[in-house]
Amino acid sequence: MTDKATSAQSKPTLRDRAFQLAYVCAYRGMRLYWGIAHPTTEGALVALWHGGEVLLVRNSYVPYYSLPGGYIRRGEAPADAVIRELGEEVGITAKAADLALAFDHTHEWEGKSDHVRIFNLEVPVRPEVKVDHREVIEAAWWAPDRALALNLFPPLRTVLSERIRPKGA
């Protein structure tokens, strides 16, 4: 069962919808660039866990679920990028020292070589989640086995599968 974090929040405004359109256009432009230039990108995401459930987000410009996170800025440590993105995307604060690296892999994705790091963060209390209705349009808690039925960012699927794999298997 999911607990939609966005359900108690306001609905998107006309201005929010305009931002969503801008994100879609910018993303399509980036995909065109990636297809031509084939750059290498570096991203960091965080699997926020509480009570066996993970917080998934859906961005306005892609059709799949992912985790809070984004690109690592020049000179920024991956853990610092995760902490920054967690605050920007869902309004949650955390400490880099509490993160545990769960995934570190480079794969071909959307025309680029994408170096992805996913960190686990266990929280004892389910935090209040705030989405901006612009970049992030949905945030909800999911049991890993149910989340695997969703359209997911491929590295996230790997992390969830490993999380539910029996120990020693």
C-alpha atoms as a PDB file:
ATOM      1  CA  MET A   1       0.000   0.000   0.000  1.00  0.00           C
ATOM      2  CA  THR A   2       1.271   3.475  -0.766  1.00  0.00           C
ATOM      3  CA  ASP A   3       1.009   6.561   1.367  1.00  0.00           C
ATOM      4  CA  LYS A   4       0.848   9.408  -1.105  1.00  0.00           C
ATOM      5  CA  ALA A   5       2.853  12.192   0.410  1.00  0.00           C
ATOM      6  CA  THR A   6       1.311  14.681  -1.997  1.00  0.00           C
ATOM      7  CA  SER A   7      -2.307  13.948  -1.104  1.00  0.00           C
ATOM      8  CA  ALA A   8      -2.570  16.474   1.717  1.00  0.00           C
ATOM      9  CA  GLN A   9      -0.836  19.205  -0.251  1.00  0.00           C
ATOM     10  CA  SER A  10      -2.283  21.764  -2.603  1.00  0.00           C
ATOM     11  CA  LYS A  11      -2.946  20.999  -6.243  1.00  0.00           C
ATOM     12  CA  PRO A  12      -0.612  22.369  -8.939  1.00  0.00           C
ATOM     13  CA  THR A  13      -1.309  25.928 -10.007  1.00  0.00           C
ATOM     14  CA  LEU A  14      -1.300  27.279 -13.552  1.00  0.00           C
ATOM     15  CA  ARG A  15       2.203  28.598 -12.839  1.00  0.00           C
ATOM     16  CA  ASP A  16       3.270  25.111 -11.700  1.00  0.00           C
ATOM     17  CA  ARG A  17       1.909  23.688 -14.983  1.00  0.00           C
ATOM     18  CA  ALA A  18       3.951  26.259 -16.927  1.00  0.00           C
ATOM     19  CA  PHE A  19       7.081  25.130 -15.053  1.00  0.00           C
ATOM     20  CA  GLN A  20       6.232  21.491 -15.832  1.00  0.00           C
ATOM     21  CA  LEU A  21       6.031  22.366 -19.539  1.00  0.00           C
ATOM     22  CA  ALA A  22       9.393  24.145 -19.301  1.00  0.00           C
ATOM     23  CA  TYR A  23      10.935  21.055 -17.646  1.00  0.00           C
ATOM     24  CA  VAL A  24       9.572  18.807 -20.414  1.00  0.00           C
ATOM     25  CA  CYS A  25      10.976  21.091 -23.124  1.00  0.00           C
ATOM     26  CA  ALA A  26      14.361  21.399 -21.411  1.00  0.00           C
ATOM     27  CA  TYR A  27      14.570  17.635 -20.906  1.00  0.00           C
ATOM     28  CA  ARG A  28      13.790  16.967 -24.558  1.00  0.00           C
ATOM     29  CA  GLY A  29      16.500  19.448 -25.528  1.00  0.00           C
ATOM     30  CA  MET A  30      18.961  17.708 -23.218  1.00  0.00           C
ATOM     31  CA  ARG A  31      18.102  14.311 -24.726  1.00  0.00           C
ATOM     32  CA  LEU A  32      18.762  15.693 -28.190  1.00  0.00           C
ATOM     33  CA  TYR A  33      22.136  17.042 -27.016  1.00  0.00           C
ATOM     34  CA  TRP A  34      23.007  13.728 -25.331  1.00  0.00           C
ATOM     35  CA  GLY A  35      22.182  11.846 -28.513  1.00  0.00           C
ATOM     36  CA  ILE A  36      24.609  14.026 -30.467  1.00  0.00           C
ATOM     37  CA  ALA A  37      27.428  14.592 -27.957  1.00  0.00           C
ATOM     38  CA  HIS A  38      27.265  11.327 -25.931  1.00  0.00           C
ATOM     39  CA  PRO A  39      28.580  12.972 -22.740  1.00  0.00           C
ATOM     40  CA  THR A  40      29.401  11.351 -19.436  1.00  0.00           C
ATOM     41  CA  THR A  41      27.170  12.479 -16.577  1.00  0.00           C
ATOM     42  CA  GLU A  42      27.353  11.857 -12.842  1.00  0.00           C
ATOM     43  CA  GLY A  43      24.307  11.585 -10.660  1.00  0.00           C
ATOM     44  CA  ALA A  44      23.512  10.725  -7.080  1.00  0.00           C
ATOM     45  CA  LEU A  45      20.203   9.495  -5.683  1.00  0.00           C
ATOM     46  CA  VAL A  46      18.979   8.540  -2.239  1.00  0.00           C
ATOM     47  CA  ALA A  47      16.765   5.609  -1.270  1.00  0.00           C
ATOM     48  CA  LEU A  48      15.065   6.960   1.844  1.00  0.00           C
ATOM     49  CA  TRP A  49      13.814   4.020   3.924  1.00  0.00           C
ATOM     50  CA  HIS A  50      11.309   3.941   6.757  1.00  0.00           C
ATOM     51  CA  GLY A  51       9.558   0.867   8.129  1.00  0.00           C
ATOM     52  CA  GLY A  52      10.603  -1.255   5.162  1.00  0.00           C
ATOM     53  CA  GLU A  53       9.204   1.226   2.615  1.00  0.00           C
ATOM     54  CA  VAL A  54      11.107   3.486   0.247  1.00  0.00           C
ATOM     55  CA  LEU A  55      10.213   6.997  -0.874  1.00  0.00           C
ATOM     56  CA  LEU A  56       9.783   7.147  -4.650  1.00  0.00           C
ATOM     57  CA  VAL A  57       9.317  10.311  -6.657  1.00  0.00           C
ATOM     58  CA  ARG A  58       7.935  11.002 -10.091  1.00  0.00           C
ATOM     59  CA  ASN A  59       9.292  13.957 -11.995  1.00  0.00           C
ATOM     60  CA  SER A  60       7.157  15.998 -14.379  1.00  0.00           C
ATOM     61  CA  TYR A  61       9.357  15.345 -17.396  1.00  0.00           C
ATOM     62  CA  VAL A  62       9.901  11.551 -17.376  1.00  0.00           C
ATOM     63  CA  PRO A  63       7.468   8.596 -17.399  1.00  0.00           C
ATOM     64  CA  TYR A  64       9.161   6.546 -14.683  1.00  0.00           C
ATOM     65  CA  TYR A  65       9.551   6.587 -10.910  1.00  0.00           C
ATOM     66  CA  SER A  66      12.909   7.320  -9.374  1.00  0.00           C
ATOM     67  CA  LEU A  67      14.453   8.513  -6.129  1.00  0.00           C
ATOM     68  CA  PRO A  68      15.207  12.019  -4.911  1.00  0.00           C
ATOM     69  CA  GLY A  69      18.486  13.066  -6.457  1.00  0.00           C
ATOM     70  CA  GLY A  70      20.122  14.596  -9.468  1.00  0.00           C
ATOM     71  CA  TYR A  71      23.335  15.597 -11.107  1.00  0.00           C
ATOM     72  CA  ILE A  72      26.516  16.135  -9.141  1.00  0.00           C
ATOM     73  CA  ARG A  73      27.884  19.643  -9.551  1.00  0.00           C
ATOM     74  CA  ARG A  74      31.537  20.221 -10.456  1.00  0.00           C
ATOM     75  CA  GLY A  75      33.638  19.804  -7.299  1.00  0.00           C
ATOM     76  CA  GLU A  76      30.693  18.452  -5.277  1.00  0.00           C
ATOM     77  CA  ALA A  77      30.954  15.159  -3.421  1.00  0.00           C
ATOM     78  CA  PRO A  78      28.242  12.621  -4.339  1.00  0.00           C
ATOM     79  CA  ALA A  79      26.946  12.483  -0.749  1.00  0.00           C
ATOM     80  CA  ASP A  80      26.721  16.275  -0.633  1.00  0.00           C
ATOM     81  CA  ALA A  81      24.757  16.255  -3.912  1.00  0.00           C
ATOM     82  CA  VAL A  82      22.296  13.777  -2.385  1.00  0.00           C
ATOM     83  CA  ILE A  83      21.791  15.932   0.695  1.00  0.00           C
ATOM     84  CA  ARG A  84      21.262  19.037  -1.476  1.00  0.00           C
ATOM     85  CA  GLU A  85      18.814  17.281  -3.809  1.00  0.00           C
ATOM     86  CA  LEU A  86      16.885  15.702  -0.926  1.00  0.00           C
ATOM     87  CA  GLY A  87      16.204  19.180   0.436  1.00  0.00           C
ATOM     88  CA  GLU A  88      15.431  20.710  -2.954  1.00  0.00           C
ATOM     89  CA  GLU A  89      13.146  17.955  -4.208  1.00  0.00           C
ATOM     90  CA  VAL A  90      11.200  16.777  -1.151  1.00  0.00           C
ATOM     91  CA  GLY A  91      12.086  19.220   1.642  1.00  0.00           C
ATOM     92  CA  ILE A  92      13.960  16.707   3.809  1.00  0.00           C
ATOM     93  CA  THR A  93      17.220  17.418   5.622  1.00  0.00           C
ATOM     94  CA  ALA A  94      19.800  14.773   6.441  1.00  0.00           C
ATOM     95  CA  LYS A  95      23.492  14.338   7.183  1.00  0.00           C
ATOM     96  CA  ALA A  96      25.984  12.914   4.696  1.00  0.00           C
ATOM     97  CA  ALA A  97      27.447  10.754   7.478  1.00  0.00           C
ATOM     98  CA  ASP A  98      24.138   8.830   7.679  1.00  0.00           C
ATOM     99  CA  LEU A  99      24.277   7.731   4.020  1.00  0.00           C
ATOM    100  CA  ALA A 100      25.374   4.234   2.964  1.00  0.00           C
ATOM    101  CA  LEU A 101      26.450   3.655  -0.637  1.00  0.00           C
ATOM    102  CA  ALA A 102      24.228   0.943  -2.154  1.00  0.00           C
ATOM    103  CA  PHE A 103      24.946   1.241  -5.881  1.00  0.00           C
ATOM    104  CA  ASP A 104      27.815   2.663  -7.947  1.00  0.00           C
ATOM    105  CA  HIS A 105      27.684   1.893 -11.650  1.00  0.00           C
ATOM    106  CA  THR A 106      28.051   3.493 -15.067  1.00  0.00           C
ATOM    107  CA  HIS A 107      25.521   2.570 -17.727  1.00  0.00           C
ATOM    108  CA  GLU A 108      24.392   3.846 -21.108  1.00  0.00           C
ATOM    109  CA  TRP A 109      21.178   5.801 -20.669  1.00  0.00           C
ATOM    110  CA  GLU A 110      19.367   8.138 -23.032  1.00  0.00           C
ATOM    111  CA  GLY A 111      22.428   8.746 -25.215  1.00  0.00           C
ATOM    112  CA  LYS A 112      24.916   9.370 -22.428  1.00  0.00           C
ATOM    113  CA  SER A 113      27.304   7.427 -20.250  1.00  0.00           C
ATOM    114  CA  ASP A 114      25.580   7.855 -16.881  1.00  0.00           C
ATOM    115  CA  HIS A 115      27.585   7.253 -13.695  1.00  0.00           C
ATOM    116  CA  VAL A 116      24.973   6.691 -10.987  1.00  0.00           C
ATOM    117  CA  ARG A 117      25.453   6.388  -7.254  1.00  0.00           C
ATOM    118  CA  ILE A 118      22.543   5.447  -5.021  1.00  0.00           C
ATOM    119  CA  PHE A 119      22.780   5.858  -1.275  1.00  0.00           C
ATOM    120  CA  ASN A 120      20.542   4.264   1.355  1.00  0.00           C
ATOM    121  CA  LEU A 121      19.293   6.411   4.203  1.00  0.00           C
ATOM    122  CA  GLU A 122      17.342   4.766   7.023  1.00  0.00           C
ATOM    123  CA  VAL A 123      15.135   7.148   9.005  1.00  0.00           C
ATOM    124  CA  PRO A 124      13.498   6.222  12.342  1.00  0.00           C
ATOM    125  CA  VAL A 125      10.546   8.588  11.813  1.00  0.00           C
ATOM    126  CA  ARG A 126       8.714   9.063   8.530  1.00  0.00           C
ATOM    127  CA  PRO A 127       9.515  12.651   7.530  1.00  0.00           C
ATOM    128  CA  GLU A 128       7.034  15.120   6.102  1.00  0.00           C
ATOM    129  CA  VAL A 129       7.510  15.196   2.336  1.00  0.00           C
ATOM    130  CA  LYS A 130       6.916  18.361   0.313  1.00  0.00           C
ATOM    131  CA  VAL A 131       6.830  18.392  -3.465  1.00  0.00           C
ATOM    132  CA  ASP A 132       6.919  21.546  -5.565  1.00  0.00           C
ATOM    133  CA  HIS A 133       4.464  20.363  -8.272  1.00  0.00           C
ATOM    134  CA  ARG A 134       6.992  21.606 -10.794  1.00  0.00           C
ATOM    135  CA  GLU A 135       9.956  19.250 -11.062  1.00  0.00           C
ATOM    136  CA  VAL A 136       8.600  16.667  -8.623  1.00  0.00           C
ATOM    137  CA  ILE A 137       4.895  15.979  -9.067  1.00  0.00           C
ATOM    138  CA  GLU A 138       4.473  12.944  -6.823  1.00  0.00           C
ATOM    139  CA  ALA A 139       6.181  11.390  -3.829  1.00  0.00           C
ATOM    140  CA  ALA A 140       4.957   8.242  -2.124  1.00  0.00           C
ATOM    141  CA  TRP A 141       6.170   5.450   0.131  1.00  0.00           C
ATOM    142  CA  TRP A 142       6.286   1.986  -1.420  1.00  0.00           C
ATOM    143  CA  ALA A 143       7.094  -1.519  -0.254  1.00  0.00           C
ATOM    144  CA  PRO A 144       9.985  -2.698  -2.469  1.00  0.00           C
ATOM    145  CA  ASP A 145       8.121  -5.723  -3.862  1.00  0.00           C
ATOM    146  CA  ARG A 146       5.178  -3.534  -4.950  1.00  0.00           C
ATOM    147  CA  ALA A 147       7.479  -0.832  -6.320  1.00  0.00           C
ATOM    148  CA  LEU A 148       9.079  -3.382  -8.640  1.00  0.00           C
ATOM    149  CA  ALA A 149       5.766  -3.522 -10.566  1.00  0.00           C
ATOM    150  CA  LEU A 150       6.190   0.173 -11.513  1.00  0.00           C
ATOM    151  CA  ASN A 151       8.029   1.736 -14.426  1.00  0.00           C
ATOM    152  CA  LEU A 152      11.338   2.446 -12.647  1.00  0.00           C
ATOM    153  CA  PHE A 153      14.683   4.052 -13.408  1.00  0.00           C
ATOM    154  CA  PRO A 154      16.785   0.895 -14.112  1.00  0.00           C
ATOM    155  CA  PRO A 155      19.405   1.350 -11.340  1.00  0.00           C
ATOM    156  CA  LEU A 156      16.572   1.788  -8.837  1.00  0.00           C
ATOM    157  CA  ARG A 157      15.162  -1.574  -9.916  1.00  0.00           C
ATOM    158  CA  THR A 158      18.555  -3.142  -9.117  1.00  0.00           C
ATOM    159  CA  VAL A 159      18.671  -1.586  -5.637  1.00  0.00           C
ATOM    160  CA  LEU A 160      15.101  -2.661  -4.801  1.00  0.00           C
ATOM    161  CA  SER A 161      15.704  -6.205  -6.055  1.00  0.00           C
ATOM    162  CA  GLU A 162      18.812  -6.497  -3.904  1.00  0.00           C
ATOM    163  CA  ARG A 163      16.917  -5.146  -0.903  1.00  0.00           C
ATOM    164  CA  ILE A 164      14.288  -7.898  -1.051  1.00  0.00           C
ATOM    165  CA  ARG A 165      16.663 -10.724  -2.061  1.00  0.00           C
ATOM    166  CA  PRO A 166      16.957 -13.241   0.789  1.00  0.00           C
ATOM    167  CA  LYS A 167      20.230 -13.032   2.694  1.00  0.00           C
ATOM    168  CA  GLY A 168      22.831 -15.396   1.296  1.00  0.00           C
ATOM    169  CA  ALA A 169      20.992 -15.865  -2.030  1.00  0.00           C
END
